[in-house]
Amino acid sequence: MLTQRAQQRVVDHADLLYQQAPAIAQRLPELVDMVCRVITSGGRLWLLGDGAAASLAGYGADILRHGFERQRPGLAAQALHEVDHDGTRWAATLQALRTPDDMLLLLSTGHHDEPLVNAVQVAHEQELQLALLLAGDAPRLLEALLDTDWCAALPAAHPGAAHLLLLEALQGLADGLDLQLLGQDSGHGEYV
């Protein structure tokens, strides 16, 4: 019974990714272009996630700094860790370390969105470029965005699905940046 459940979970996740592939593929090139401009102009990408997505912010920063599936120089990416509820610590970090060309990328599963609503306000106050990858439902967070902010909202019925979609989007971002910065990878065949 456990084997069947594990197989069904993998099949369900594969089906979810297949269903969401067009939405992710349609919006991701815009984010890749934005981040590429930030990185090549000397700016830094800051990543911040809510709840379970906080670990994904660290993972996203890591694959951008150290490479994803290809060898390349590290990119200026840093995770902001959600330490306090009101965001004063990471807001102070941004205030002290940010440059005018920096960008804040928020990752949300739609749960525990209060810190990210605060992050949107901080980004606007500090005049940072802002992007949001949302997998789930977060109406308060969406209401806080301005027309100039970038957002990709993907439906996710439960936290595990949201985490999976955000993970795929981050890996797509890293792969897209590698393609933009390094060109086509002639050393490898089909993507597996």
N, C-alpha and C. Protein backbone atom coordinates (compact mmCIF):
# COMPACT_ATOMS: atom_id res chain seq x y z
N MET A 1 0.82 -1.19 0.00
CA MET A 1 0.00 0.00 0.00
C MET A 1 0.87 1.27 0.00
N LEU A 2 1.97 1.24 0.75
CA LEU A 2 2.87 2.39 0.80
C LEU A 2 3.50 2.65 -0.57
N THR A 3 3.86 1.57 -1.27
CA THR A 3 4.44 1.70 -2.61
C THR A 3 3.45 2.36 -3.56
N GLN A 4 2.21 1.93 -3.51
CA GLN A 4 1.18 2.52 -4.37
C GLN A 4 0.98 4.00 -4.06
N ARG A 5 0.98 4.34 -2.78
CA ARG A 5 0.81 5.74 -2.39
C ARG A 5 1.99 6.59 -2.89
N ALA A 6 3.19 6.07 -2.74
CA ALA A 6 4.37 6.80 -3.21
C ALA A 6 4.32 6.99 -4.72
N GLN A 7 3.94 5.93 -5.44
CA GLN A 7 3.84 6.04 -6.90
C GLN A 7 2.77 7.05 -7.29
N GLN A 8 1.63 7.03 -6.60
CA GLN A 8 0.55 7.96 -6.92
C GLN A 8 0.98 9.40 -6.67
N ARG A 9 1.75 9.61 -5.61
CA ARG A 9 2.24 10.97 -5.31
C ARG A 9 3.15 11.48 -6.42
N VAL A 10 4.04 10.63 -6.89
CA VAL A 10 4.93 11.01 -7.99
C VAL A 10 4.13 11.31 -9.25
N VAL A 11 3.14 10.47 -9.54
CA VAL A 11 2.29 10.68 -10.72
C VAL A 11 1.50 11.98 -10.58
N ASP A 12 0.96 12.24 -9.39
CA ASP A 12 0.21 13.48 -9.18
C ASP A 12 1.10 14.71 -9.35
N HIS A 13 2.32 14.64 -8.85
CA HIS A 13 3.24 15.77 -8.99
C HIS A 13 3.65 15.97 -10.46
N ALA A 14 3.88 14.88 -11.15
CA ALA A 14 4.22 14.98 -12.58
C ALA A 14 3.06 15.59 -13.34
N ASP A 15 1.83 15.20 -13.00
CA ASP A 15 0.64 15.75 -13.65
C ASP A 15 0.50 17.24 -13.36
N LEU A 16 0.76 17.63 -12.10
CA LEU A 16 0.69 19.04 -11.73
C LEU A 16 1.71 19.86 -12.53
N LEU A 17 2.94 19.37 -12.61
CA LEU A 17 3.96 20.08 -13.38
C LEU A 17 3.59 20.15 -14.85
N TYR A 18 3.02 19.10 -15.38
CA TYR A 18 2.60 19.09 -16.79
C TYR A 18 1.50 20.13 -17.02
N GLN A 19 0.54 20.20 -16.10
CA GLN A 19 -0.55 21.16 -16.23
C GLN A 19 -0.07 22.60 -16.11
N GLN A 20 0.90 22.84 -15.23
CA GLN A 20 1.38 24.20 -14.98
C GLN A 20 2.53 24.62 -15.90
N ALA A 21 3.08 23.69 -16.66
CA ALA A 21 4.22 24.00 -17.53
C ALA A 21 3.96 25.19 -18.46
N PRO A 22 2.80 25.28 -19.12
CA PRO A 22 2.59 26.44 -19.99
C PRO A 22 2.60 27.77 -19.24
N ALA A 23 2.00 27.81 -18.05
CA ALA A 23 1.96 29.05 -17.27
C ALA A 23 3.36 29.44 -16.81
N ILE A 24 4.13 28.46 -16.33
CA ILE A 24 5.50 28.74 -15.88
C ILE A 24 6.35 29.18 -17.07
N ALA A 25 6.25 28.46 -18.18
CA ALA A 25 7.06 28.77 -19.36
C ALA A 25 6.71 30.13 -19.95
N GLN A 26 5.46 30.53 -19.85
CA GLN A 26 5.05 31.82 -20.41
C GLN A 26 5.60 32.99 -19.61
N ARG A 27 5.62 32.88 -18.28
CA ARG A 27 6.02 34.00 -17.44
C ARG A 27 7.51 34.03 -17.10
N LEU A 28 8.16 32.87 -17.07
CA LEU A 28 9.54 32.79 -16.62
C LEU A 28 10.53 33.61 -17.45
N PRO A 29 10.40 33.67 -18.78
CA PRO A 29 11.37 34.47 -19.55
C PRO A 29 11.43 35.94 -19.13
N GLU A 30 10.30 36.51 -18.73
CA GLU A 30 10.30 37.90 -18.24
C GLU A 30 11.15 38.03 -16.98
N LEU A 31 10.99 37.07 -16.07
CA LEU A 31 11.77 37.10 -14.82
C LEU A 31 13.25 36.89 -15.11
N VAL A 32 13.56 35.97 -16.00
CA VAL A 32 14.96 35.73 -16.37
C VAL A 32 15.58 37.01 -16.92
N ASP A 33 14.87 37.71 -17.80
CA ASP A 33 15.38 38.97 -18.37
C ASP A 33 15.59 40.02 -17.28
N MET A 34 14.63 40.13 -16.36
CA MET A 34 14.76 41.12 -15.28
C MET A 34 15.98 40.82 -14.41
N VAL A 35 16.12 39.56 -13.99
CA VAL A 35 17.23 39.20 -13.12
C VAL A 35 18.56 39.33 -13.86
N CYS A 36 18.58 38.98 -15.13
CA CYS A 36 19.80 39.11 -15.93
C CYS A 36 20.25 40.58 -15.99
N ARG A 37 19.30 41.50 -16.18
CA ARG A 37 19.64 42.92 -16.20
C ARG A 37 20.18 43.38 -14.85
N VAL A 38 19.58 42.90 -13.77
CA VAL A 38 20.05 43.25 -12.43
C VAL A 38 21.47 42.76 -12.22
N ILE A 39 21.72 41.50 -12.53
CA ILE A 39 23.04 40.89 -12.30
C ILE A 39 24.11 41.55 -13.17
N THR A 40 23.81 41.77 -14.45
CA THR A 40 24.82 42.32 -15.36
C THR A 40 25.07 43.81 -15.13
N SER A 41 24.15 44.49 -14.43
CA SER A 41 24.38 45.91 -14.14
C SER A 41 25.07 46.10 -12.79
N GLY A 42 25.43 45.00 -12.14
CA GLY A 42 26.14 45.10 -10.87
C GLY A 42 25.24 45.02 -9.65
N GLY A 43 23.96 44.74 -9.87
CA GLY A 43 23.03 44.63 -8.75
C GLY A 43 23.04 43.23 -8.16
N ARG A 44 22.25 43.06 -7.12
CA ARG A 44 22.15 41.79 -6.41
C ARG A 44 20.68 41.38 -6.37
N LEU A 45 20.46 40.08 -6.44
CA LEU A 45 19.12 39.53 -6.29
C LEU A 45 18.97 39.05 -4.84
N TRP A 46 18.00 39.62 -4.14
CA TRP A 46 17.66 39.20 -2.79
C TRP A 46 16.45 38.29 -2.88
N LEU A 47 16.46 37.17 -2.16
CA LEU A 47 15.34 36.24 -2.17
C LEU A 47 14.79 36.09 -0.76
N LEU A 48 13.46 36.11 -0.65
CA LEU A 48 12.79 35.96 0.64
C LEU A 48 11.55 35.13 0.44
N GLY A 49 11.38 34.10 1.27
CA GLY A 49 10.21 33.24 1.18
C GLY A 49 9.42 33.19 2.46
N ASP A 50 8.13 32.87 2.33
CA ASP A 50 7.28 32.72 3.50
C ASP A 50 7.22 31.26 3.92
N GLY A 51 7.14 31.00 5.21
CA GLY A 51 6.95 29.65 5.72
C GLY A 51 7.87 28.63 5.08
N ALA A 52 7.27 27.62 4.43
CA ALA A 52 8.05 26.56 3.78
C ALA A 52 8.89 27.09 2.63
N ALA A 53 8.49 28.20 2.04
CA ALA A 53 9.25 28.77 0.92
C ALA A 53 10.52 29.48 1.38
N ALA A 54 10.68 29.67 2.70
CA ALA A 54 11.91 30.29 3.19
C ALA A 54 13.12 29.42 2.85
N SER A 55 12.96 28.11 2.94
CA SER A 55 14.07 27.22 2.59
C SER A 55 14.36 27.28 1.09
N LEU A 56 13.32 27.51 0.30
CA LEU A 56 13.53 27.64 -1.14
C LEU A 56 14.28 28.92 -1.49
N ALA A 57 14.11 29.97 -0.71
CA ALA A 57 14.88 31.19 -0.94
C ALA A 57 16.37 30.91 -0.79
N GLY A 58 16.72 30.14 0.25
CA GLY A 58 18.11 29.76 0.44
C GLY A 58 18.62 28.88 -0.69
N TYR A 59 17.79 27.94 -1.12
CA TYR A 59 18.16 27.06 -2.23
C TYR A 59 18.34 27.87 -3.52
N GLY A 60 17.41 28.78 -3.79
CA GLY A 60 17.50 29.61 -5.00
C GLY A 60 18.77 30.45 -5.02
N ALA A 61 19.09 31.06 -3.89
CA ALA A 61 20.32 31.86 -3.81
C ALA A 61 21.54 30.97 -4.01
N ASP A 62 21.50 29.77 -3.46
CA ASP A 62 22.63 28.85 -3.59
C ASP A 62 22.87 28.43 -5.04
N ILE A 63 21.82 28.06 -5.77
CA ILE A 63 22.04 27.62 -7.16
C ILE A 63 22.41 28.78 -8.07
N LEU A 64 22.05 30.00 -7.68
CA LEU A 64 22.48 31.15 -8.47
C LEU A 64 23.94 31.51 -8.16
N ARG A 65 24.33 31.40 -6.90
CA ARG A 65 25.71 31.71 -6.53
C ARG A 65 26.69 30.64 -6.99
N HIS A 66 26.31 29.38 -6.88
CA HIS A 66 27.26 28.29 -7.10
C HIS A 66 27.01 27.48 -8.36
N GLY A 67 26.00 27.80 -9.11
CA GLY A 67 25.71 27.07 -10.34
C GLY A 67 24.62 26.04 -10.14
N PHE A 68 23.92 25.76 -11.22
CA PHE A 68 22.82 24.80 -11.17
C PHE A 68 23.24 23.50 -11.83
N GLU A 69 23.23 23.46 -13.14
CA GLU A 69 23.65 22.25 -13.85
C GLU A 69 24.86 22.48 -14.74
N ARG A 70 25.39 23.71 -14.71
CA ARG A 70 26.55 24.06 -15.53
C ARG A 70 27.56 24.81 -14.68
N GLN A 71 28.81 24.73 -15.08
CA GLN A 71 29.87 25.49 -14.44
C GLN A 71 29.79 26.93 -14.94
N ARG A 72 29.80 27.86 -14.01
CA ARG A 72 29.84 29.27 -14.35
C ARG A 72 30.25 30.06 -13.12
N PRO A 73 30.69 31.29 -13.32
CA PRO A 73 30.99 32.13 -12.15
C PRO A 73 29.72 32.36 -11.33
N GLY A 74 29.90 32.57 -10.05
CA GLY A 74 28.76 32.81 -9.17
C GLY A 74 28.07 34.13 -9.47
N LEU A 75 26.78 34.15 -9.26
CA LEU A 75 25.98 35.36 -9.45
C LEU A 75 25.67 35.98 -8.09
N ALA A 76 25.45 37.28 -8.08
CA ALA A 76 25.19 37.99 -6.83
C ALA A 76 23.75 37.75 -6.38
N ALA A 77 23.56 36.73 -5.56
CA ALA A 77 22.25 36.39 -5.03
C ALA A 77 22.38 36.08 -3.55
N GLN A 78 21.43 36.54 -2.76
CA GLN A 78 21.50 36.36 -1.32
C GLN A 78 20.10 36.12 -0.77
N ALA A 79 19.95 35.11 0.07
CA ALA A 79 18.67 34.85 0.73
C ALA A 79 18.57 35.72 1.97
N LEU A 80 17.38 36.25 2.17
CA LEU A 80 17.06 36.95 3.42
C LEU A 80 16.27 35.96 4.26
N HIS A 81 16.72 35.71 5.44
CA HIS A 81 16.05 34.71 6.28
C HIS A 81 15.02 35.38 7.15
N GLU A 82 13.84 34.79 7.16
CA GLU A 82 12.73 35.33 7.94
C GLU A 82 12.99 35.01 9.41
N VAL A 83 13.48 35.98 10.13
CA VAL A 83 13.81 35.78 11.54
C VAL A 83 12.72 36.35 12.43
N ASP A 84 12.18 37.47 12.06
CA ASP A 84 11.16 38.13 12.88
C ASP A 84 9.90 38.35 12.08
N HIS A 85 8.79 38.42 12.78
CA HIS A 85 7.48 38.51 12.11
C HIS A 85 7.30 39.82 11.36
N ASP A 86 7.77 40.91 11.93
CA ASP A 86 7.52 42.20 11.29
C ASP A 86 8.56 42.59 10.24
N GLY A 87 9.62 41.79 10.11
CA GLY A 87 10.59 42.03 9.04
C GLY A 87 11.62 43.09 9.33
N THR A 88 11.74 43.53 10.58
CA THR A 88 12.69 44.62 10.86
C THR A 88 14.14 44.20 10.62
N ARG A 89 14.47 42.93 10.90
CA ARG A 89 15.87 42.51 10.74
C ARG A 89 16.27 42.45 9.28
N TRP A 90 15.46 41.78 8.43
CA TRP A 90 15.87 41.73 7.02
C TRP A 90 15.68 43.07 6.33
N ALA A 91 14.74 43.88 6.82
CA ALA A 91 14.59 45.23 6.26
C ALA A 91 15.85 46.04 6.55
N ALA A 92 16.40 45.88 7.76
CA ALA A 92 17.64 46.57 8.11
C ALA A 92 18.80 46.06 7.26
N THR A 93 18.82 44.75 6.98
CA THR A 93 19.85 44.17 6.12
C THR A 93 19.77 44.79 4.73
N LEU A 94 18.57 44.87 4.19
CA LEU A 94 18.41 45.49 2.87
C LEU A 94 18.86 46.94 2.89
N GLN A 95 18.44 47.67 3.91
CA GLN A 95 18.78 49.09 4.01
C GLN A 95 20.30 49.27 4.03
N ALA A 96 21.00 48.39 4.74
CA ALA A 96 22.45 48.54 4.89
C ALA A 96 23.23 48.05 3.68
N LEU A 97 22.76 47.01 3.00
CA LEU A 97 23.58 46.35 1.98
C LEU A 97 23.10 46.52 0.55
N ARG A 98 21.90 46.99 0.35
CA ARG A 98 21.38 47.04 -1.02
C ARG A 98 22.06 48.15 -1.83
N THR A 99 22.00 47.96 -3.14
CA THR A 99 22.45 48.99 -4.07
C THR A 99 21.25 49.42 -4.91
N PRO A 100 21.34 50.53 -5.62
CA PRO A 100 20.19 51.00 -6.40
C PRO A 100 19.73 50.02 -7.48
N ASP A 101 20.60 49.12 -7.92
CA ASP A 101 20.24 48.20 -9.00
C ASP A 101 19.71 46.85 -8.48
N ASP A 102 19.54 46.70 -7.17
CA ASP A 102 19.13 45.42 -6.60
C ASP A 102 17.66 45.12 -6.88
N MET A 103 17.32 43.86 -6.67
CA MET A 103 15.95 43.39 -6.88
C MET A 103 15.58 42.43 -5.76
N LEU A 104 14.33 42.44 -5.34
CA LEU A 104 13.83 41.53 -4.32
C LEU A 104 12.87 40.54 -4.99
N LEU A 105 13.17 39.25 -4.84
CA LEU A 105 12.31 38.19 -5.35
C LEU A 105 11.65 37.50 -4.17
N LEU A 106 10.33 37.60 -4.11
CA LEU A 106 9.56 36.97 -3.04
C LEU A 106 9.01 35.64 -3.52
N LEU A 107 9.06 34.64 -2.64
CA LEU A 107 8.53 33.31 -2.92
C LEU A 107 7.43 33.03 -1.91
N SER A 108 6.22 32.74 -2.39
CA SER A 108 5.11 32.55 -1.48
C SER A 108 4.30 31.31 -1.81
N THR A 109 3.96 30.58 -0.75
CA THR A 109 3.04 29.45 -0.89
C THR A 109 1.63 29.86 -0.49
N GLY A 110 1.44 31.12 -0.17
CA GLY A 110 0.13 31.61 0.22
C GLY A 110 -0.17 31.42 1.69
N HIS A 111 0.74 30.84 2.44
CA HIS A 111 0.57 30.67 3.88
C HIS A 111 1.56 31.60 4.58
N HIS A 112 1.19 32.11 5.73
CA HIS A 112 2.07 32.98 6.51
C HIS A 112 2.56 34.16 5.66
N ASP A 113 1.61 34.85 5.00
CA ASP A 113 2.02 35.89 4.06
C ASP A 113 2.25 37.25 4.70
N GLU A 114 2.01 37.40 6.01
CA GLU A 114 2.21 38.69 6.66
C GLU A 114 3.63 39.23 6.48
N PRO A 115 4.68 38.40 6.70
CA PRO A 115 6.03 38.93 6.48
C PRO A 115 6.27 39.39 5.03
N LEU A 116 5.65 38.71 4.07
CA LEU A 116 5.86 39.11 2.67
C LEU A 116 5.07 40.37 2.32
N VAL A 117 3.92 40.57 2.96
CA VAL A 117 3.20 41.84 2.77
C VAL A 117 4.08 42.98 3.28
N ASN A 118 4.72 42.75 4.44
CA ASN A 118 5.67 43.74 4.96
C ASN A 118 6.85 43.92 4.02
N ALA A 119 7.32 42.83 3.41
CA ALA A 119 8.46 42.91 2.49
C ALA A 119 8.11 43.75 1.26
N VAL A 120 6.89 43.62 0.78
CA VAL A 120 6.45 44.44 -0.36
C VAL A 120 6.52 45.91 0.01
N GLN A 121 6.04 46.26 1.20
CA GLN A 121 6.08 47.66 1.64
C GLN A 121 7.52 48.15 1.77
N VAL A 122 8.40 47.33 2.33
CA VAL A 122 9.81 47.70 2.47
C VAL A 122 10.44 47.90 1.09
N ALA A 123 10.16 46.99 0.17
CA ALA A 123 10.72 47.12 -1.19
C ALA A 123 10.26 48.41 -1.85
N HIS A 124 9.00 48.74 -1.67
CA HIS A 124 8.49 49.99 -2.25
C HIS A 124 9.14 51.21 -1.60
N GLU A 125 9.28 51.17 -0.27
CA GLU A 125 9.93 52.29 0.44
C GLU A 125 11.38 52.46 0.00
N GLN A 126 12.07 51.34 -0.22
CA GLN A 126 13.48 51.39 -0.60
C GLN A 126 13.68 51.45 -2.11
N GLU A 127 12.58 51.53 -2.85
CA GLU A 127 12.59 51.66 -4.31
C GLU A 127 13.35 50.52 -4.98
N LEU A 128 13.11 49.31 -4.50
CA LEU A 128 13.70 48.11 -5.10
C LEU A 128 12.78 47.57 -6.18
N GLN A 129 13.37 47.01 -7.21
CA GLN A 129 12.57 46.24 -8.15
C GLN A 129 12.00 45.06 -7.37
N LEU A 130 10.77 44.67 -7.70
CA LEU A 130 10.11 43.62 -6.94
C LEU A 130 9.48 42.60 -7.87
N ALA A 131 9.70 41.33 -7.54
CA ALA A 131 9.07 40.23 -8.28
C ALA A 131 8.52 39.24 -7.26
N LEU A 132 7.40 38.62 -7.61
CA LEU A 132 6.75 37.65 -6.74
C LEU A 132 6.45 36.38 -7.51
N LEU A 133 6.94 35.26 -7.00
CA LEU A 133 6.54 33.94 -7.46
C LEU A 133 5.59 33.39 -6.42
N LEU A 134 4.32 33.27 -6.78
CA LEU A 134 3.28 32.83 -5.86
C LEU A 134 2.71 31.51 -6.36
N ALA A 135 2.71 30.52 -5.49
CA ALA A 135 2.05 29.25 -5.78
C ALA A 135 1.04 29.04 -4.66
N GLY A 136 -0.19 29.35 -4.93
CA GLY A 136 -1.23 29.27 -3.91
C GLY A 136 -2.07 30.52 -3.95
N ASP A 137 -2.74 30.79 -2.85
CA ASP A 137 -3.69 31.89 -2.77
C ASP A 137 -3.23 32.87 -1.69
N ALA A 138 -2.96 34.10 -2.07
CA ALA A 138 -2.52 35.12 -1.11
C ALA A 138 -3.09 36.48 -1.54
N PRO A 139 -4.40 36.70 -1.34
CA PRO A 139 -5.03 37.94 -1.81
C PRO A 139 -4.43 39.20 -1.21
N ARG A 140 -4.07 39.17 0.10
CA ARG A 140 -3.49 40.37 0.73
C ARG A 140 -2.15 40.71 0.10
N LEU A 141 -1.38 39.69 -0.23
CA LEU A 141 -0.08 39.91 -0.84
C LEU A 141 -0.25 40.50 -2.25
N LEU A 142 -1.18 39.96 -3.00
CA LEU A 142 -1.43 40.48 -4.35
C LEU A 142 -1.93 41.92 -4.33
N GLU A 143 -2.76 42.24 -3.33
CA GLU A 143 -3.27 43.61 -3.21
C GLU A 143 -2.16 44.61 -2.89
N ALA A 144 -1.10 44.17 -2.24
CA ALA A 144 0.00 45.06 -1.85
C ALA A 144 0.90 45.42 -3.02
N LEU A 145 0.82 44.67 -4.12
CA LEU A 145 1.70 44.91 -5.27
C LEU A 145 1.28 46.16 -6.03
N LEU A 146 2.25 46.80 -6.66
CA LEU A 146 1.99 47.92 -7.57
C LEU A 146 1.97 47.40 -9.00
N ASP A 147 1.48 48.22 -9.92
CA ASP A 147 1.46 47.84 -11.33
C ASP A 147 2.85 47.58 -11.88
N THR A 148 3.86 48.21 -11.31
CA THR A 148 5.24 48.06 -11.79
C THR A 148 5.91 46.81 -11.25
N ASP A 149 5.30 46.13 -10.28
CA ASP A 149 5.86 44.90 -9.73
C ASP A 149 5.53 43.73 -10.65
N TRP A 150 6.43 42.76 -10.72
CA TRP A 150 6.22 41.57 -11.56
C TRP A 150 5.67 40.45 -10.69
N CYS A 151 4.71 39.70 -11.23
CA CYS A 151 4.11 38.62 -10.46
C CYS A 151 3.73 37.46 -11.36
N ALA A 152 4.03 36.26 -10.93
CA ALA A 152 3.52 35.04 -11.55
C ALA A 152 2.78 34.28 -10.46
N ALA A 153 1.47 34.14 -10.63
CA ALA A 153 0.64 33.45 -9.65
C ALA A 153 0.18 32.12 -10.23
N LEU A 154 0.56 31.04 -9.57
CA LEU A 154 0.23 29.69 -10.02
C LEU A 154 -0.70 29.05 -9.00
N PRO A 155 -1.78 28.43 -9.45
CA PRO A 155 -2.69 27.79 -8.49
C PRO A 155 -2.06 26.53 -7.91
N ALA A 156 -2.21 26.38 -6.60
CA ALA A 156 -1.73 25.17 -5.91
C ALA A 156 -2.72 24.84 -4.80
N ALA A 157 -3.19 23.60 -4.79
CA ALA A 157 -4.23 23.21 -3.85
C ALA A 157 -3.71 22.96 -2.43
N HIS A 158 -2.44 22.59 -2.30
CA HIS A 158 -1.89 22.29 -0.97
C HIS A 158 -0.42 22.70 -0.93
N PRO A 159 0.14 22.82 0.28
CA PRO A 159 1.51 23.30 0.43
C PRO A 159 2.56 22.49 -0.33
N GLY A 160 2.40 21.17 -0.39
CA GLY A 160 3.37 20.35 -1.12
C GLY A 160 3.41 20.70 -2.60
N ALA A 161 2.25 20.93 -3.19
CA ALA A 161 2.17 21.32 -4.60
C ALA A 161 2.78 22.71 -4.80
N ALA A 162 2.50 23.62 -3.87
CA ALA A 162 3.06 24.98 -3.97
C ALA A 162 4.59 24.93 -3.92
N HIS A 163 5.12 24.16 -3.01
CA HIS A 163 6.58 24.02 -2.86
C HIS A 163 7.19 23.48 -4.15
N LEU A 164 6.54 22.48 -4.73
CA LEU A 164 7.03 21.87 -5.97
C LEU A 164 7.05 22.87 -7.12
N LEU A 165 5.98 23.67 -7.26
CA LEU A 165 5.92 24.66 -8.34
C LEU A 165 6.98 25.74 -8.16
N LEU A 166 7.18 26.19 -6.93
CA LEU A 166 8.21 27.21 -6.69
C LEU A 166 9.60 26.65 -6.96
N LEU A 167 9.83 25.41 -6.57
CA LEU A 167 11.12 24.76 -6.84
C LEU A 167 11.38 24.70 -8.35
N GLU A 168 10.38 24.30 -9.10
CA GLU A 168 10.53 24.22 -10.56
C GLU A 168 10.78 25.60 -11.17
N ALA A 169 10.09 26.62 -10.66
CA ALA A 169 10.29 27.98 -11.17
C ALA A 169 11.71 28.47 -10.87
N LEU A 170 12.22 28.18 -9.67
CA LEU A 170 13.59 28.60 -9.33
C LEU A 170 14.62 27.89 -10.19
N GLN A 171 14.43 26.60 -10.42
CA GLN A 171 15.36 25.88 -11.28
C GLN A 171 15.27 26.39 -12.72
N GLY A 172 14.06 26.73 -13.16
CA GLY A 172 13.90 27.32 -14.49
C GLY A 172 14.59 28.67 -14.58
N LEU A 173 14.52 29.47 -13.51
CA LEU A 173 15.21 30.76 -13.47
C LEU A 173 16.71 30.56 -13.60
N ALA A 174 17.27 29.64 -12.83
CA ALA A 174 18.71 29.38 -12.88
C ALA A 174 19.12 28.88 -14.25
N ASP A 175 18.36 27.97 -14.82
CA ASP A 175 18.67 27.45 -16.15
C ASP A 175 18.56 28.54 -17.21
N GLY A 176 17.54 29.38 -17.10
CA GLY A 176 17.37 30.48 -18.05
C GLY A 176 18.51 31.49 -17.97
N LEU A 177 18.97 31.78 -16.75
CA LEU A 177 20.10 32.69 -16.59
C LEU A 177 21.36 32.09 -17.19
N ASP A 178 21.56 30.78 -16.98
CA ASP A 178 22.72 30.11 -17.59
C ASP A 178 22.66 30.23 -19.11
N LEU A 179 21.49 30.04 -19.68
CA LEU A 179 21.34 30.15 -21.13
C LEU A 179 21.63 31.57 -21.60
N GLN A 180 21.11 32.57 -20.88
CA GLN A 180 21.33 33.97 -21.25
C GLN A 180 22.80 34.37 -21.14
N LEU A 181 23.44 33.92 -20.07
CA LEU A 181 24.81 34.37 -19.79
C LEU A 181 25.88 33.53 -20.49
N LEU A 182 25.60 32.23 -20.69
CA LEU A 182 26.60 31.32 -21.23
C LEU A 182 26.28 30.80 -22.62
N GLY A 183 25.06 30.99 -23.09
CA GLY A 183 24.65 30.46 -24.37
C GLY A 183 24.23 28.99 -24.25
N GLN A 184 23.94 28.42 -25.39
CA GLN A 184 23.50 27.02 -25.44
C GLN A 184 24.59 26.10 -24.94
N ASP A 185 24.22 25.09 -24.20
CA ASP A 185 25.18 24.14 -23.66
C ASP A 185 25.38 23.03 -24.68
N SER A 186 26.50 23.08 -25.40
CA SER A 186 26.75 22.08 -26.45
C SER A 186 27.29 20.78 -25.90
N GLY A 187 27.68 20.76 -24.63
CA GLY A 187 28.27 19.57 -24.05
C GLY A 187 27.26 18.53 -23.61
N HIS A 188 25.99 18.88 -23.58
CA HIS A 188 24.98 17.96 -23.10
C HIS A 188 23.89 17.78 -24.16
N GLY A 189 23.26 16.63 -24.12
CA GLY A 189 22.16 16.34 -25.03
C GLY A 189 20.86 16.89 -24.50
N GLU A 190 19.82 16.11 -24.63
CA GLU A 190 18.49 16.51 -24.19
C GLU A 190 18.46 16.77 -22.70
N TYR A 191 17.60 17.72 -22.29
CA TYR A 191 17.40 17.99 -20.87
C TYR A 191 16.68 16.79 -20.26
N VAL A 192 17.21 16.30 -19.16
CA VAL A 192 16.59 15.15 -18.48
C VAL A 192 16.22 15.53 -17.08
